[in-house]
Amino acid sequence: MATVVEDVALVQRHGQHVELDAEPTALVWLGTTAGVALGDGSVRWIGDRADATPTLAHKGAILSACRHPDGASMVTGGDDGVVRR
């Protein structure tokens, strides 16, 4: 028998809603913290206690992002032609 779930947004049932000032281009999990790469060239770190303060990484959009092999940082590539860690 199917269970009916309340008509409530998934984020309201299981997470948190964070306002971002730009479109997300990538999301990388580092443990329980999410690094969200944004189209304005910034990265937001979102975790249980994080305030999602933006960190400017590129002059232009972040086009790609991945977890660094150390597992503790993120590598991004931007529209400015720069790769950053």
N, C-alpha and C. Protein backbone atom coordinates (compact mmCIF):
# COMPACT_ATOMS: atom_id res chain seq x y z
N MET A 1 0.83 -1.17 0.00
CA MET A 1 0.00 0.00 0.00
C MET A 1 0.89 1.25 0.00
N ALA A 2 0.58 2.21 -0.82
CA ALA A 2 1.35 3.44 -0.95
C ALA A 2 1.06 4.38 0.22
N THR A 3 2.09 5.08 0.65
CA THR A 3 1.95 6.06 1.71
C THR A 3 1.84 7.44 1.09
N VAL A 4 0.89 8.21 1.54
CA VAL A 4 0.71 9.56 1.03
C VAL A 4 1.56 10.50 1.87
N VAL A 5 2.36 11.30 1.20
CA VAL A 5 3.22 12.26 1.87
C VAL A 5 2.57 13.63 1.76
N GLU A 6 2.68 14.40 2.82
CA GLU A 6 2.12 15.74 2.80
C GLU A 6 2.64 16.52 1.60
N ASP A 7 1.84 17.42 1.10
CA ASP A 7 2.23 18.26 -0.02
C ASP A 7 3.09 19.42 0.49
N VAL A 8 4.30 19.08 0.99
CA VAL A 8 5.23 20.05 1.53
C VAL A 8 6.54 19.90 0.75
N ALA A 9 7.17 21.01 0.47
CA ALA A 9 8.42 20.96 -0.29
C ALA A 9 9.44 20.06 0.42
N LEU A 10 10.21 19.34 -0.37
CA LEU A 10 11.22 18.42 0.14
C LEU A 10 12.19 19.13 1.08
N VAL A 11 12.62 20.33 0.72
CA VAL A 11 13.58 21.04 1.56
C VAL A 11 12.99 21.38 2.92
N GLN A 12 11.69 21.59 2.99
CA GLN A 12 11.06 21.90 4.28
C GLN A 12 10.94 20.65 5.14
N ARG A 13 10.90 19.48 4.54
CA ARG A 13 10.81 18.24 5.30
C ARG A 13 12.16 17.70 5.72
N HIS A 14 13.20 17.93 4.90
CA HIS A 14 14.48 17.25 5.12
C HIS A 14 15.71 18.14 5.13
N GLY A 15 15.59 19.41 4.93
CA GLY A 15 16.80 20.22 4.83
C GLY A 15 16.59 21.66 5.19
N GLN A 16 17.41 22.47 4.58
CA GLN A 16 17.33 23.89 4.82
C GLN A 16 17.29 24.62 3.48
N HIS A 17 16.68 25.78 3.49
CA HIS A 17 16.61 26.59 2.29
C HIS A 17 17.62 27.72 2.43
N VAL A 18 18.47 27.87 1.42
CA VAL A 18 19.49 28.91 1.45
C VAL A 18 19.31 29.77 0.21
N GLU A 19 19.17 31.07 0.42
CA GLU A 19 19.07 32.00 -0.71
C GLU A 19 20.46 32.20 -1.30
N LEU A 20 20.56 32.04 -2.61
CA LEU A 20 21.81 32.28 -3.31
C LEU A 20 21.61 33.45 -4.25
N ASP A 21 22.63 34.27 -4.43
CA ASP A 21 22.51 35.45 -5.27
C ASP A 21 22.79 35.16 -6.74
N ALA A 22 23.12 33.93 -7.08
CA ALA A 22 23.43 33.56 -8.47
C ALA A 22 23.01 32.11 -8.69
N GLU A 23 22.99 31.72 -9.94
CA GLU A 23 22.61 30.35 -10.29
C GLU A 23 23.72 29.37 -9.90
N PRO A 24 23.38 28.25 -9.27
CA PRO A 24 24.40 27.24 -8.97
C PRO A 24 24.85 26.53 -10.25
N THR A 25 26.15 26.29 -10.35
CA THR A 25 26.70 25.57 -11.50
C THR A 25 27.24 24.20 -11.11
N ALA A 26 27.54 24.00 -9.82
CA ALA A 26 28.03 22.71 -9.35
C ALA A 26 27.85 22.63 -7.84
N LEU A 27 27.76 21.41 -7.33
CA LEU A 27 27.68 21.16 -5.90
C LEU A 27 28.63 20.03 -5.57
N VAL A 28 29.52 20.26 -4.61
CA VAL A 28 30.52 19.26 -4.21
C VAL A 28 30.40 19.04 -2.72
N TRP A 29 30.20 17.79 -2.31
CA TRP A 29 30.12 17.46 -0.88
C TRP A 29 31.50 17.19 -0.33
N LEU A 30 31.84 17.86 0.77
CA LEU A 30 33.07 17.60 1.52
C LEU A 30 32.62 17.24 2.93
N GLY A 31 32.48 15.96 3.17
CA GLY A 31 31.93 15.51 4.44
C GLY A 31 30.46 15.89 4.50
N THR A 32 30.08 16.63 5.53
CA THR A 32 28.69 17.06 5.67
C THR A 32 28.47 18.50 5.21
N THR A 33 29.47 19.08 4.58
CA THR A 33 29.38 20.45 4.07
C THR A 33 29.32 20.43 2.55
N ALA A 34 28.42 21.21 2.00
CA ALA A 34 28.29 21.31 0.54
C ALA A 34 28.97 22.59 0.07
N GLY A 35 29.83 22.44 -0.92
CA GLY A 35 30.43 23.59 -1.59
C GLY A 35 29.62 23.85 -2.84
N VAL A 36 28.98 24.99 -2.95
CA VAL A 36 28.13 25.31 -4.09
C VAL A 36 28.84 26.35 -4.94
N ALA A 37 29.21 25.96 -6.16
CA ALA A 37 29.84 26.88 -7.11
C ALA A 37 28.73 27.64 -7.82
N LEU A 38 28.94 28.95 -8.01
CA LEU A 38 27.89 29.80 -8.55
C LEU A 38 28.31 30.51 -9.83
N GLY A 39 27.32 30.91 -10.58
CA GLY A 39 27.53 31.58 -11.85
C GLY A 39 28.13 32.97 -11.75
N ASP A 40 28.20 33.53 -10.54
CA ASP A 40 28.82 34.84 -10.37
C ASP A 40 30.29 34.74 -10.00
N GLY A 41 30.84 33.50 -9.99
CA GLY A 41 32.25 33.30 -9.68
C GLY A 41 32.54 33.04 -8.21
N SER A 42 31.51 32.93 -7.39
CA SER A 42 31.72 32.70 -5.97
C SER A 42 31.37 31.26 -5.59
N VAL A 43 31.84 30.88 -4.40
CA VAL A 43 31.54 29.57 -3.82
C VAL A 43 30.87 29.83 -2.48
N ARG A 44 29.80 29.09 -2.19
CA ARG A 44 29.14 29.15 -0.88
C ARG A 44 29.35 27.80 -0.19
N TRP A 45 29.75 27.85 1.08
CA TRP A 45 29.92 26.64 1.89
C TRP A 45 28.70 26.52 2.78
N ILE A 46 27.95 25.44 2.60
CA ILE A 46 26.70 25.27 3.33
C ILE A 46 26.78 23.98 4.15
N GLY A 47 26.65 24.12 5.44
CA GLY A 47 26.66 22.98 6.36
C GLY A 47 25.67 23.23 7.47
N ASP A 48 25.71 22.39 8.48
CA ASP A 48 24.79 22.54 9.60
C ASP A 48 24.91 23.90 10.28
N ARG A 49 26.13 24.39 10.41
CA ARG A 49 26.33 25.66 11.10
C ARG A 49 26.89 26.75 10.19
N ALA A 50 27.02 26.46 8.91
CA ALA A 50 27.60 27.45 7.99
C ALA A 50 26.60 28.56 7.70
N ASP A 51 27.12 29.74 7.45
CA ASP A 51 26.24 30.87 7.17
C ASP A 51 26.15 31.14 5.67
N ALA A 52 26.78 30.35 4.85
CA ALA A 52 26.73 30.46 3.39
C ALA A 52 27.28 31.78 2.89
N THR A 53 28.28 32.30 3.57
CA THR A 53 28.94 33.52 3.13
C THR A 53 29.71 33.24 1.84
N PRO A 54 29.54 34.10 0.82
CA PRO A 54 30.22 33.83 -0.45
C PRO A 54 31.73 34.09 -0.38
N THR A 55 32.48 33.26 -1.09
CA THR A 55 33.91 33.45 -1.26
C THR A 55 34.15 33.63 -2.75
N LEU A 56 34.68 34.78 -3.16
CA LEU A 56 34.92 35.02 -4.58
C LEU A 56 36.09 34.18 -5.05
N ALA A 57 35.89 33.39 -6.10
CA ALA A 57 36.93 32.52 -6.62
C ALA A 57 37.35 32.89 -8.04
N HIS A 58 36.43 33.43 -8.83
CA HIS A 58 36.72 33.72 -10.24
C HIS A 58 36.11 35.03 -10.68
N LYS A 59 36.71 35.61 -11.73
CA LYS A 59 36.14 36.78 -12.40
C LYS A 59 35.28 36.25 -13.53
N GLY A 60 34.04 35.98 -13.25
CA GLY A 60 33.14 35.34 -14.20
C GLY A 60 32.61 34.06 -13.60
N ALA A 61 31.81 33.35 -14.35
CA ALA A 61 31.13 32.15 -13.86
C ALA A 61 32.11 31.02 -13.56
N ILE A 62 31.75 30.21 -12.56
CA ILE A 62 32.46 28.95 -12.32
C ILE A 62 31.82 27.93 -13.25
N LEU A 63 32.64 27.35 -14.13
CA LEU A 63 32.14 26.43 -15.14
C LEU A 63 32.20 24.97 -14.71
N SER A 64 33.13 24.65 -13.80
CA SER A 64 33.24 23.27 -13.34
C SER A 64 33.83 23.25 -11.94
N ALA A 65 33.54 22.17 -11.22
CA ALA A 65 34.06 22.01 -9.86
C ALA A 65 34.11 20.53 -9.53
N CYS A 66 35.11 20.15 -8.74
CA CYS A 66 35.21 18.76 -8.28
C CYS A 66 35.94 18.74 -6.94
N ARG A 67 35.81 17.61 -6.27
CA ARG A 67 36.51 17.43 -5.00
C ARG A 67 37.98 17.16 -5.29
N HIS A 68 38.86 17.81 -4.54
CA HIS A 68 40.29 17.57 -4.66
C HIS A 68 40.60 16.19 -4.07
N PRO A 69 41.63 15.50 -4.56
CA PRO A 69 41.94 14.17 -4.02
C PRO A 69 42.20 14.14 -2.51
N ASP A 70 42.54 15.28 -1.90
CA ASP A 70 42.75 15.27 -0.45
C ASP A 70 41.44 15.13 0.32
N GLY A 71 40.29 15.30 -0.39
CA GLY A 71 38.99 15.14 0.24
C GLY A 71 38.56 16.28 1.13
N ALA A 72 39.40 17.30 1.25
CA ALA A 72 39.09 18.40 2.15
C ALA A 72 38.93 19.74 1.43
N SER A 73 39.09 19.74 0.12
CA SER A 73 38.98 20.99 -0.62
C SER A 73 38.36 20.75 -1.99
N MET A 74 38.04 21.85 -2.66
CA MET A 74 37.37 21.80 -3.95
C MET A 74 38.25 22.50 -4.98
N VAL A 75 38.23 22.00 -6.20
CA VAL A 75 38.93 22.62 -7.33
C VAL A 75 37.88 23.16 -8.27
N THR A 76 38.05 24.42 -8.72
CA THR A 76 37.10 25.03 -9.63
C THR A 76 37.79 25.54 -10.87
N GLY A 77 37.06 25.56 -11.97
CA GLY A 77 37.52 26.14 -13.21
C GLY A 77 36.52 27.22 -13.63
N GLY A 78 37.05 28.38 -13.99
CA GLY A 78 36.17 29.49 -14.26
C GLY A 78 36.22 29.99 -15.68
N ASP A 79 35.25 30.84 -16.00
CA ASP A 79 35.15 31.49 -17.30
C ASP A 79 36.34 32.41 -17.54
N ASP A 80 37.08 32.73 -16.49
CA ASP A 80 38.26 33.59 -16.59
C ASP A 80 39.51 32.82 -17.02
N GLY A 81 39.38 31.50 -17.25
CA GLY A 81 40.51 30.69 -17.70
C GLY A 81 41.42 30.23 -16.58
N VAL A 82 40.99 30.39 -15.34
CA VAL A 82 41.82 30.05 -14.18
C VAL A 82 41.24 28.81 -13.49
N VAL A 83 42.15 27.95 -13.01
CA VAL A 83 41.76 26.80 -12.17
C VAL A 83 42.25 27.11 -10.76
N ARG A 84 41.36 26.98 -9.79
CA ARG A 84 41.71 27.31 -8.39
C ARG A 84 41.37 26.16 -7.45
N ARG A 85 42.11 26.13 -6.36
CA ARG A 85 41.84 25.16 -5.28
C ARG A 85 41.51 25.93 -4.04
